[in-house]
Protein backbone atom coordinates (compact mmCIF):
# COMPACT_ATOMS: atom_id res chain seq x y z
CA UNK A 1 -74.61 0.52 -40.25
CA UNK A 2 -74.28 2.01 -43.72
CA UNK A 3 -76.40 0.01 -46.23
CA UNK A 4 -73.70 0.17 -48.91
CA UNK A 5 -71.16 -1.25 -46.49
CA UNK A 6 -73.52 -4.01 -45.41
CA UNK A 7 -74.34 -4.92 -49.02
CA UNK A 8 -70.68 -5.08 -50.01
CA UNK A 9 -69.83 -7.13 -46.91
CA UNK A 10 -72.61 -9.59 -47.79
CA UNK A 11 -71.23 -9.89 -51.32
CA UNK A 12 -67.72 -10.61 -49.99
CA UNK A 13 -69.08 -13.23 -47.60
CA UNK A 14 -71.08 -14.96 -50.33
CA UNK A 15 -68.10 -15.22 -52.68
CA UNK A 16 -65.66 -16.38 -50.00
CA UNK A 17 -68.16 -18.92 -48.61
CA UNK A 18 -68.67 -20.35 -52.10
CA UNK A 19 -64.91 -20.97 -52.30
CA UNK A 20 -64.60 -22.25 -48.73
CA UNK A 21 -62.07 -19.56 -47.81
CA UNK A 22 -61.55 -17.72 -44.52
CA UNK A 23 -60.72 -14.04 -43.96
CA UNK A 24 -58.74 -12.22 -41.26
CA UNK A 25 -58.78 -8.44 -40.88
CA UNK A 26 -56.06 -6.20 -39.44
CA UNK A 27 -57.43 -2.73 -38.80
CA UNK A 28 -55.99 0.46 -37.42
CA UNK A 29 -57.83 3.65 -38.43
CA UNK A 30 -61.09 1.78 -39.08
CA UNK A 31 -61.05 0.36 -35.55
CA UNK A 32 -62.78 -2.89 -36.46
CA UNK A 33 -65.35 -1.42 -38.86
CA UNK A 34 -64.59 -3.99 -41.57
CA UNK A 35 -64.88 -6.92 -39.16
CA UNK A 36 -68.08 -5.40 -37.72
CA UNK A 37 -69.61 -5.05 -41.19
CA UNK A 38 -68.79 -8.66 -42.03
CA UNK A 39 -69.95 -10.10 -38.72
CA UNK A 40 -73.21 -8.12 -38.73
CA UNK A 41 -74.42 -10.64 -41.30
CA UNK A 42 -75.81 -13.97 -40.18
CA UNK A 43 -73.62 -16.89 -41.17
CA UNK A 44 -70.45 -14.80 -41.32
CA UNK A 45 -68.64 -17.31 -39.11
CA UNK A 46 -68.28 -19.51 -42.19
CA UNK A 47 -65.86 -16.92 -43.56
CA UNK A 48 -64.59 -14.55 -40.87
CA UNK A 49 -61.81 -16.33 -38.99
CA UNK A 50 -60.71 -13.38 -36.81
CA UNK A 51 -60.10 -9.66 -36.71
CA UNK A 52 -57.24 -7.70 -35.20
CA UNK A 53 -57.78 -4.10 -34.10
CA UNK A 54 -54.24 -2.79 -33.84
CA UNK A 55 -54.71 0.91 -33.27
CA UNK A 56 -51.41 1.51 -31.49
CA UNK A 57 -47.93 0.79 -32.79
CA UNK A 58 -47.42 -1.60 -29.88
CA UNK A 59 -50.50 -3.58 -30.90
CA UNK A 60 -49.22 -3.83 -34.47
CA UNK A 61 -45.96 -5.24 -33.11
CA UNK A 62 -47.39 -7.51 -30.41
CA UNK A 63 -50.43 -8.89 -32.25
CA UNK A 64 -49.25 -8.96 -35.87
CA UNK A 65 -45.48 -9.17 -35.57
CA UNK A 66 -44.88 -5.86 -37.37
CA UNK A 67 -41.30 -4.85 -36.69
CA UNK A 68 -40.95 -1.78 -34.47
CA UNK A 69 -37.97 -0.84 -36.64
CA UNK A 70 -40.21 -0.92 -39.73
CA UNK A 71 -42.69 1.40 -38.01
CA UNK A 72 -39.87 3.71 -36.87
CA UNK A 73 -38.41 3.85 -40.37
CA UNK A 74 -41.57 4.22 -42.47
CA UNK A 75 -44.24 5.28 -39.98
CA UNK A 76 -47.37 3.37 -39.00
CA UNK A 77 -49.20 4.86 -41.98
CA UNK A 78 -47.16 3.43 -44.84
CA UNK A 79 -47.19 0.80 -47.54
CA UNK A 80 -44.57 -1.25 -45.70
CA UNK A 81 -46.56 -1.39 -42.48
CA UNK A 82 -49.83 -2.17 -44.28
CA UNK A 83 -48.14 -5.09 -46.03
CA UNK A 84 -46.62 -6.33 -42.77
CA UNK A 85 -50.01 -6.09 -41.06
CA UNK A 86 -51.74 -8.13 -43.76
CA UNK A 87 -49.01 -10.76 -43.73
CA UNK A 88 -49.06 -10.86 -39.92
CA UNK A 89 -52.83 -11.38 -39.92
CA UNK A 90 -52.29 -14.48 -42.06
CA UNK A 91 -49.41 -15.70 -39.91
CA UNK A 92 -51.42 -15.37 -36.68
CA UNK A 93 -54.69 -16.81 -37.97
CA UNK A 94 -56.11 -19.78 -39.83
CA UNK A 95 -57.39 -17.60 -42.69
CA UNK A 96 -56.31 -17.94 -46.29
CA UNK A 97 -56.84 -14.23 -47.08
CA UNK A 98 -56.37 -11.04 -45.09
CA UNK A 99 -56.81 -7.33 -45.47
CA UNK A 100 -55.04 -4.57 -43.53
CA UNK A 101 -55.89 -0.90 -43.15
CA UNK A 102 -53.71 1.84 -41.64
CA UNK A 103 -54.32 5.54 -42.08
CA UNK A 104 -55.09 8.99 -40.74
CA UNK A 105 -58.83 9.44 -40.35
CA UNK A 106 -58.58 12.92 -38.85
CA UNK A 107 -59.57 15.50 -38.18
CA UNK A 108 -55.99 16.07 -37.04
CA UNK A 109 -52.79 14.09 -37.30
CA UNK A 110 -51.97 14.81 -40.92
CA UNK A 111 -48.76 16.32 -42.27
CA UNK A 112 -47.65 17.59 -45.67
CA UNK A 113 -46.24 14.15 -46.51
CA UNK A 114 -49.07 12.20 -44.89
CA UNK A 115 -52.26 14.24 -45.11
CA UNK A 116 -55.46 13.61 -43.21
CA UNK A 117 -57.45 11.06 -45.21
CA UNK A 118 -54.36 9.07 -46.27
CA UNK A 119 -54.98 5.34 -45.97
CA UNK A 120 -52.77 2.41 -46.95
CA UNK A 121 -54.32 -0.99 -47.63
CA UNK A 122 -52.81 -4.40 -48.18
CA UNK A 123 -54.41 -7.70 -49.05
CA UNK A 124 -52.48 -10.92 -48.58
CA UNK A 125 -53.14 -14.55 -49.32
CA UNK A 126 -51.34 -17.78 -48.56
CA UNK A 127 -48.96 -18.77 -51.36
CA UNK A 128 -49.60 -15.55 -53.22
CA UNK A 129 -48.45 -11.95 -53.47
CA UNK A 130 -49.49 -9.14 -51.14
CA UNK A 131 -51.28 -6.31 -52.91
CA UNK A 132 -51.10 -2.67 -51.84
CA UNK A 133 -53.34 0.32 -52.47
CA UNK A 134 -52.94 3.93 -51.35
CA UNK A 135 -55.83 6.38 -51.15
CA UNK A 136 -56.37 9.90 -49.88
CA UNK A 137 -60.04 10.26 -48.96
CA UNK A 138 -61.90 13.53 -48.55
CA UNK A 139 -64.40 14.17 -45.81
CA UNK A 140 -64.70 14.05 -42.07
CA UNK A 141 -63.50 11.22 -39.82
CA UNK A 142 -66.62 9.10 -40.29
CA UNK A 143 -66.53 9.54 -44.06
CA UNK A 144 -62.83 8.60 -44.26
CA UNK A 145 -63.42 5.49 -42.14
CA UNK A 146 -66.44 4.42 -44.22
CA UNK A 147 -64.55 4.89 -47.50
CA UNK A 148 -61.62 2.95 -46.05
CA UNK A 149 -63.88 0.06 -44.99
CA UNK A 150 -65.48 -0.09 -48.44
CA UNK A 151 -62.05 -0.07 -50.09
CA UNK A 152 -60.83 -2.85 -47.78
CA UNK A 153 -63.76 -5.01 -48.88
CA UNK A 154 -62.83 -4.22 -52.50
CA UNK A 155 -59.29 -5.40 -51.75
CA UNK A 156 -60.68 -8.72 -50.51
CA UNK A 157 -62.67 -9.07 -53.75
CA UNK A 158 -59.57 -8.36 -55.83
CA UNK A 159 -57.61 -10.93 -53.82
CA UNK A 160 -60.31 -13.51 -54.46
CA UNK A 161 -60.28 -12.76 -58.20
CA UNK A 162 -56.52 -13.38 -58.25
CA UNK A 163 -56.79 -16.72 -56.45
CA UNK A 164 -56.72 -19.92 -58.42
CA UNK A 165 -60.05 -21.78 -58.18
């Protein structure tokens, strides 16, 4: 596993453990990479409550409660779906914070409106707002997925910063 990803995951785990908070992940284009990075570290069970790999639209609907109409209207790779994924991960877990990732890792699948490398992120927390971030990453499939996983961990850190102690 990438050392930078492992280091950032360890940092996230330390901060969440210190606050006694649990995390759920909802991943599409990263295919569980964020959950894998977190759970590669001993003691991660103190923080990682569960991870959802919802690669297909059906999985997003069945596992996270994302409306099929929302996906049909905005597309699976959209701010609206990322937000719904993060909120669904909270609803279907015992975590206090969640992060969701949906994007186009490539090499194909991109369009003029939604290019390869486009990734939408959302971080949600109980009794708080859901935050969104949109990125277009350069590089091959592995590079896009790694950058997306690192950004998802950043989103969890931002969510923690915005949580009352």
